[in-house]
Amino acid sequence: MGSDSDYPVMLPAKQVLHELNIDVDIAVVSAHRMPDRMFTFARQAEAEGYNVIIAGAGGAAHLPGMVASLTVLPVIGVPVSATKLLGQDALLSIVQMPAGIPVATVAIDNAKNAGILAAQIIGATDLAVRERVRTWRAALTADVEVRADKFKADQDAGTP
């Protein structure tokens, strides 16, 4: 992430990846204030054993794109609502990458989806991870079905 203040937004990615038993490494690597560290991290990520990089950033949000320009690993950008523009600036910065340097982008402040997408990317070649994602998704569906049934029962009973 570009700043330690982004951690509350990025925490759901860590949580869902832990639920899926996928190792996570979290670091502050600012594209603007720590460019040398960002270059080193991005260039060494593949050799360090990373499979996917989730990069959260607000404002100008150059971190995801710069990291993507320095590695062939998949990069998922999380726009963080850190400015008066409520993350719209970060969203546009991350999603408008030039041809040849893609960054998968999730909704503003939706690091949980970034974590799920990272797991799905890993699951494309790791069948154990794919099955854990399948099981996690089935549990999500079951939870929503239970809540939908309760809502309908409450409505049928006249509960506001």
C-alpha atoms as a PDB file:
ATOM      1  CA  MET A   1       0.000   0.000   0.000  1.00  0.00           C
ATOM      2  CA  GLY A   2       1.124   3.554  -0.581  1.00  0.00           C
ATOM      3  CA  SER A   3       0.757   4.585   3.065  1.00  0.00           C
ATOM      4  CA  ASP A   4       0.117   3.009   6.448  1.00  0.00           C
ATOM      5  CA  SER A   5      -3.107   5.041   6.554  1.00  0.00           C
ATOM      6  CA  ASP A   6      -4.392   2.744   3.753  1.00  0.00           C
ATOM      7  CA  TYR A   7      -4.235  -0.296   6.045  1.00  0.00           C
ATOM      8  CA  PRO A   8      -7.873  -0.185   7.236  1.00  0.00           C
ATOM      9  CA  VAL A   9      -8.976  -0.284   3.591  1.00  0.00           C
ATOM     10  CA  MET A  10      -6.535  -3.062   2.687  1.00  0.00           C
ATOM     11  CA  LEU A  11      -7.199  -5.244   5.761  1.00  0.00           C
ATOM     12  CA  PRO A  12     -10.162  -7.127   4.188  1.00  0.00           C
ATOM     13  CA  ALA A  13      -7.834  -8.466   1.461  1.00  0.00           C
ATOM     14  CA  LYS A  14      -5.546  -9.869   4.142  1.00  0.00           C
ATOM     15  CA  GLN A  15      -8.494 -11.343   6.024  1.00  0.00           C
ATOM     16  CA  VAL A  16     -10.036 -13.143   3.050  1.00  0.00           C
ATOM     17  CA  LEU A  17      -6.662 -14.472   1.911  1.00  0.00           C
ATOM     18  CA  HIS A  18      -6.047 -15.820   5.419  1.00  0.00           C
ATOM     19  CA  GLU A  19      -9.519 -17.454   5.315  1.00  0.00           C
ATOM     20  CA  LEU A  20      -8.405 -19.130   2.088  1.00  0.00           C
ATOM     21  CA  ASN A  21      -5.087 -20.216   3.665  1.00  0.00           C
ATOM     22  CA  ILE A  22      -2.978 -18.111   1.307  1.00  0.00           C
ATOM     23  CA  ASP A  23       0.196 -16.473   2.594  1.00  0.00           C
ATOM     24  CA  VAL A  24       0.122 -12.682   2.685  1.00  0.00           C
ATOM     25  CA  ASP A  25       2.876 -10.103   2.985  1.00  0.00           C
ATOM     26  CA  ILE A  26       1.914  -6.501   3.706  1.00  0.00           C
ATOM     27  CA  ALA A  27       4.199  -3.535   3.151  1.00  0.00           C
ATOM     28  CA  VAL A  28       4.142   0.224   2.748  1.00  0.00           C
ATOM     29  CA  VAL A  29       5.767   0.984  -0.604  1.00  0.00           C
ATOM     30  CA  SER A  30       5.007   4.503  -1.787  1.00  0.00           C
ATOM     31  CA  ALA A  31       5.548   5.204  -5.479  1.00  0.00           C
ATOM     32  CA  HIS A  32       6.169   8.893  -4.788  1.00  0.00           C
ATOM     33  CA  ARG A  33       7.892   8.947  -1.402  1.00  0.00           C
ATOM     34  CA  MET A  34       9.832   5.665  -1.614  1.00  0.00           C
ATOM     35  CA  PRO A  35      10.538   5.088  -5.310  1.00  0.00           C
ATOM     36  CA  ASP A  36      13.740   3.120  -4.725  1.00  0.00           C
ATOM     37  CA  ARG A  37      11.958   0.730  -2.362  1.00  0.00           C
ATOM     38  CA  MET A  38       9.064   0.408  -4.835  1.00  0.00           C
ATOM     39  CA  PHE A  39      11.456  -0.402  -7.699  1.00  0.00           C
ATOM     40  CA  THR A  40      13.308  -2.986  -5.599  1.00  0.00           C
ATOM     41  CA  PHE A  41      10.095  -4.597  -4.369  1.00  0.00           C
ATOM     42  CA  ALA A  42       8.492  -4.823  -7.816  1.00  0.00           C
ATOM     43  CA  ARG A  43      11.614  -6.082  -9.570  1.00  0.00           C
ATOM     44  CA  GLN A  44      12.277  -8.755  -6.923  1.00  0.00           C
ATOM     45  CA  ALA A  45       8.671  -9.866  -6.289  1.00  0.00           C
ATOM     46  CA  GLU A  46       8.760 -12.789  -8.711  1.00  0.00           C
ATOM     47  CA  ALA A  47      12.088 -14.085  -7.354  1.00  0.00           C
ATOM     48  CA  GLU A  48      10.747 -13.671  -3.807  1.00  0.00           C
ATOM     49  CA  GLY A  49       7.913 -16.088  -4.645  1.00  0.00           C
ATOM     50  CA  TYR A  50       5.001 -13.712  -5.051  1.00  0.00           C
ATOM     51  CA  ASN A  51       2.218 -14.863  -7.381  1.00  0.00           C
ATOM     52  CA  VAL A  52      -0.008 -11.779  -7.396  1.00  0.00           C
ATOM     53  CA  ILE A  53       0.450  -8.241  -6.099  1.00  0.00           C
ATOM     54  CA  ILE A  54      -2.404  -6.220  -4.640  1.00  0.00           C
ATOM     55  CA  ALA A  55      -1.522  -2.531  -4.617  1.00  0.00           C
ATOM     56  CA  GLY A  56      -3.735  -0.051  -2.819  1.00  0.00           C
ATOM     57  CA  ALA A  57      -3.276   3.659  -3.328  1.00  0.00           C
ATOM     58  CA  GLY A  58      -5.201   6.907  -3.083  1.00  0.00           C
ATOM     59  CA  GLY A  59      -4.952  10.259  -4.802  1.00  0.00           C
ATOM     60  CA  ALA A  60      -2.747  10.084  -7.879  1.00  0.00           C
ATOM     61  CA  ALA A  61      -2.506   6.328  -7.167  1.00  0.00           C
ATOM     62  CA  HIS A  62       0.584   5.575  -9.207  1.00  0.00           C
ATOM     63  CA  LEU A  63       1.657   2.580  -7.113  1.00  0.00           C
ATOM     64  CA  PRO A  64      -0.347  -0.138  -8.923  1.00  0.00           C
ATOM     65  CA  GLY A  65       0.658   1.037 -12.385  1.00  0.00           C
ATOM     66  CA  MET A  66       4.295   1.587 -11.545  1.00  0.00           C
ATOM     67  CA  VAL A  67       4.541  -1.839  -9.923  1.00  0.00           C
ATOM     68  CA  ALA A  68       2.841  -3.392 -12.969  1.00  0.00           C
ATOM     69  CA  SER A  69       5.385  -1.689 -15.219  1.00  0.00           C
ATOM     70  CA  LEU A  70       8.227  -3.371 -13.324  1.00  0.00           C
ATOM     71  CA  THR A  71       6.960  -6.971 -13.112  1.00  0.00           C
ATOM     72  CA  VAL A  72       5.110  -9.509 -15.227  1.00  0.00           C
ATOM     73  CA  LEU A  73       3.165 -10.716 -12.192  1.00  0.00           C
ATOM     74  CA  PRO A  74      -0.550  -9.867 -12.142  1.00  0.00           C
ATOM     75  CA  VAL A  75      -1.226  -6.617 -10.266  1.00  0.00           C
ATOM     76  CA  ILE A  76      -4.594  -5.781  -8.748  1.00  0.00           C
ATOM     77  CA  GLY A  77      -5.190  -2.132  -7.939  1.00  0.00           C
ATOM     78  CA  VAL A  78      -7.379  -0.988  -5.051  1.00  0.00           C
ATOM     79  CA  PRO A  79      -8.372   2.667  -5.333  1.00  0.00           C
ATOM     80  CA  VAL A  80      -8.391   4.177  -1.835  1.00  0.00           C
ATOM     81  CA  SER A  81     -10.723   7.050  -0.955  1.00  0.00           C
ATOM     82  CA  ALA A  82      -7.985   9.189   0.584  1.00  0.00           C
ATOM     83  CA  THR A  83      -8.828  12.590  -0.899  1.00  0.00           C
ATOM     84  CA  LYS A  84     -11.734  15.000  -1.235  1.00  0.00           C
ATOM     85  CA  LEU A  85     -12.611  13.194  -4.483  1.00  0.00           C
ATOM     86  CA  LEU A  86     -13.473  10.083  -2.410  1.00  0.00           C
ATOM     87  CA  GLY A  87     -11.325   7.706  -4.446  1.00  0.00           C
ATOM     88  CA  GLN A  88     -12.598   8.670  -7.888  1.00  0.00           C
ATOM     89  CA  ASP A  89      -9.194  10.178  -8.682  1.00  0.00           C
ATOM     90  CA  ALA A  90      -7.465   6.960  -7.614  1.00  0.00           C
ATOM     91  CA  LEU A  91      -9.916   4.813  -9.571  1.00  0.00           C
ATOM     92  CA  LEU A  92      -9.328   6.735 -12.780  1.00  0.00           C
ATOM     93  CA  SER A  93      -5.571   6.753 -12.255  1.00  0.00           C
ATOM     94  CA  ILE A  94      -5.431   2.989 -11.737  1.00  0.00           C
ATOM     95  CA  VAL A  95      -7.876   1.938 -14.428  1.00  0.00           C
ATOM     96  CA  GLN A  96      -6.419   4.149 -17.192  1.00  0.00           C
ATOM     97  CA  MET A  97      -3.241   2.162 -17.798  1.00  0.00           C
ATOM     98  CA  PRO A  98      -1.649   2.264 -21.240  1.00  0.00           C
ATOM     99  CA  ALA A  99      -1.904  -0.765 -23.505  1.00  0.00           C
ATOM    100  CA  GLY A 100       0.614  -3.425 -22.560  1.00  0.00           C
ATOM    101  CA  ILE A 101       0.735  -2.677 -18.808  1.00  0.00           C
ATOM    102  CA  PRO A 102      -2.592  -3.902 -17.411  1.00  0.00           C
ATOM    103  CA  VAL A 103      -3.735  -3.490 -13.825  1.00  0.00           C
ATOM    104  CA  ALA A 104      -6.839  -5.359 -12.745  1.00  0.00           C
ATOM    105  CA  THR A 105      -8.905  -2.855 -10.768  1.00  0.00           C
ATOM    106  CA  VAL A 106     -11.587  -3.368  -8.140  1.00  0.00           C
ATOM    107  CA  ALA A 107     -14.101  -0.898  -6.752  1.00  0.00           C
ATOM    108  CA  ILE A 108     -13.060   1.986  -4.532  1.00  0.00           C
ATOM    109  CA  ASP A 109     -12.060   0.718  -1.065  1.00  0.00           C
ATOM    110  CA  ASN A 110     -12.974  -2.877  -2.014  1.00  0.00           C
ATOM    111  CA  ALA A 111      -9.800  -4.705  -1.061  1.00  0.00           C
ATOM    112  CA  LYS A 112     -11.835  -7.798  -0.165  1.00  0.00           C
ATOM    113  CA  ASN A 113     -12.611  -8.291  -3.851  1.00  0.00           C
ATOM    114  CA  ALA A 114      -8.919  -7.794  -4.619  1.00  0.00           C
ATOM    115  CA  GLY A 115      -8.106 -10.612  -2.207  1.00  0.00           C
ATOM    116  CA  ILE A 116     -10.712 -12.884  -3.766  1.00  0.00           C
ATOM    117  CA  LEU A 117      -9.481 -12.073  -7.272  1.00  0.00           C
ATOM    118  CA  ALA A 118      -5.892 -12.780  -6.192  1.00  0.00           C
ATOM    119  CA  ALA A 119      -7.008 -16.162  -4.862  1.00  0.00           C
ATOM    120  CA  GLN A 120      -8.810 -16.915  -8.122  1.00  0.00           C
ATOM    121  CA  ILE A 121      -5.696 -16.003 -10.116  1.00  0.00           C
ATOM    122  CA  ILE A 122      -3.582 -18.308  -7.947  1.00  0.00           C
ATOM    123  CA  GLY A 123      -6.310 -20.950  -8.231  1.00  0.00           C
ATOM    124  CA  ALA A 124      -5.961 -20.961 -12.008  1.00  0.00           C
ATOM    125  CA  THR A 125      -2.857 -23.125 -11.555  1.00  0.00           C
ATOM    126  CA  ASP A 126      -3.179 -24.338  -7.947  1.00  0.00           C
ATOM    127  CA  LEU A 127      -6.099 -26.756  -7.697  1.00  0.00           C
ATOM    128  CA  ALA A 128      -6.080 -26.769  -3.875  1.00  0.00           C
ATOM    129  CA  VAL A 129      -6.538 -22.998  -3.805  1.00  0.00           C
ATOM    130  CA  ARG A 130      -9.230 -23.256  -6.492  1.00  0.00           C
ATOM    131  CA  GLU A 131     -11.184 -25.711  -4.325  1.00  0.00           C
ATOM    132  CA  ARG A 132     -10.833 -23.472  -1.265  1.00  0.00           C
ATOM    133  CA  VAL A 133     -12.213 -20.558  -3.301  1.00  0.00           C
ATOM    134  CA  ARG A 134     -15.073 -22.773  -4.529  1.00  0.00           C
ATOM    135  CA  THR A 135     -15.905 -23.777  -0.941  1.00  0.00           C
ATOM    136  CA  TRP A 136     -15.664 -20.143   0.248  1.00  0.00           C
ATOM    137  CA  ARG A 137     -18.022 -19.022  -2.542  1.00  0.00           C
ATOM    138  CA  ALA A 138     -20.508 -21.796  -1.694  1.00  0.00           C
ATOM    139  CA  ALA A 139     -20.532 -20.631   1.936  1.00  0.00           C
ATOM    140  CA  LEU A 140     -21.116 -17.059   0.763  1.00  0.00           C
ATOM    141  CA  THR A 141     -24.071 -18.198  -1.348  1.00  0.00           C
ATOM    142  CA  ALA A 142     -25.516 -20.220   1.542  1.00  0.00           C
ATOM    143  CA  ASP A 143     -25.229 -17.217   3.877  1.00  0.00           C
ATOM    144  CA  VAL A 144     -27.020 -14.934   1.433  1.00  0.00           C
ATOM    145  CA  GLU A 145     -29.750 -17.526   0.889  1.00  0.00           C
ATOM    146  CA  VAL A 146     -30.348 -17.781   4.664  1.00  0.00           C
ATOM    147  CA  ARG A 147     -30.568 -13.994   4.962  1.00  0.00           C
ATOM    148  CA  ALA A 148     -32.874 -13.774   1.927  1.00  0.00           C
ATOM    149  CA  ASP A 149     -35.193 -16.407   3.418  1.00  0.00           C
ATOM    150  CA  LYS A 150     -35.246 -14.590   6.764  1.00  0.00           C
ATOM    151  CA  PHE A 151     -35.999 -11.289   5.041  1.00  0.00           C
ATOM    152  CA  LYS A 152     -38.893 -12.877   3.135  1.00  0.00           C
ATOM    153  CA  ALA A 153     -40.245 -14.485   6.309  1.00  0.00           C
ATOM    154  CA  ASP A 154     -40.050 -11.147   8.132  1.00  0.00           C
ATOM    155  CA  GLN A 155     -41.864  -9.418   5.267  1.00  0.00           C
ATOM    156  CA  ASP A 156     -44.540 -12.100   5.139  1.00  0.00           C
ATOM    157  CA  ALA A 157     -45.027 -11.654   8.896  1.00  0.00           C
ATOM    158  CA  GLY A 158     -45.450  -7.911   8.460  1.00  0.00           C
ATOM    159  CA  THR A 159     -42.182  -6.982  10.141  1.00  0.00           C
ATOM    160  CA  PRO A 160     -40.996  -3.602   8.847  1.00  0.00           C
END
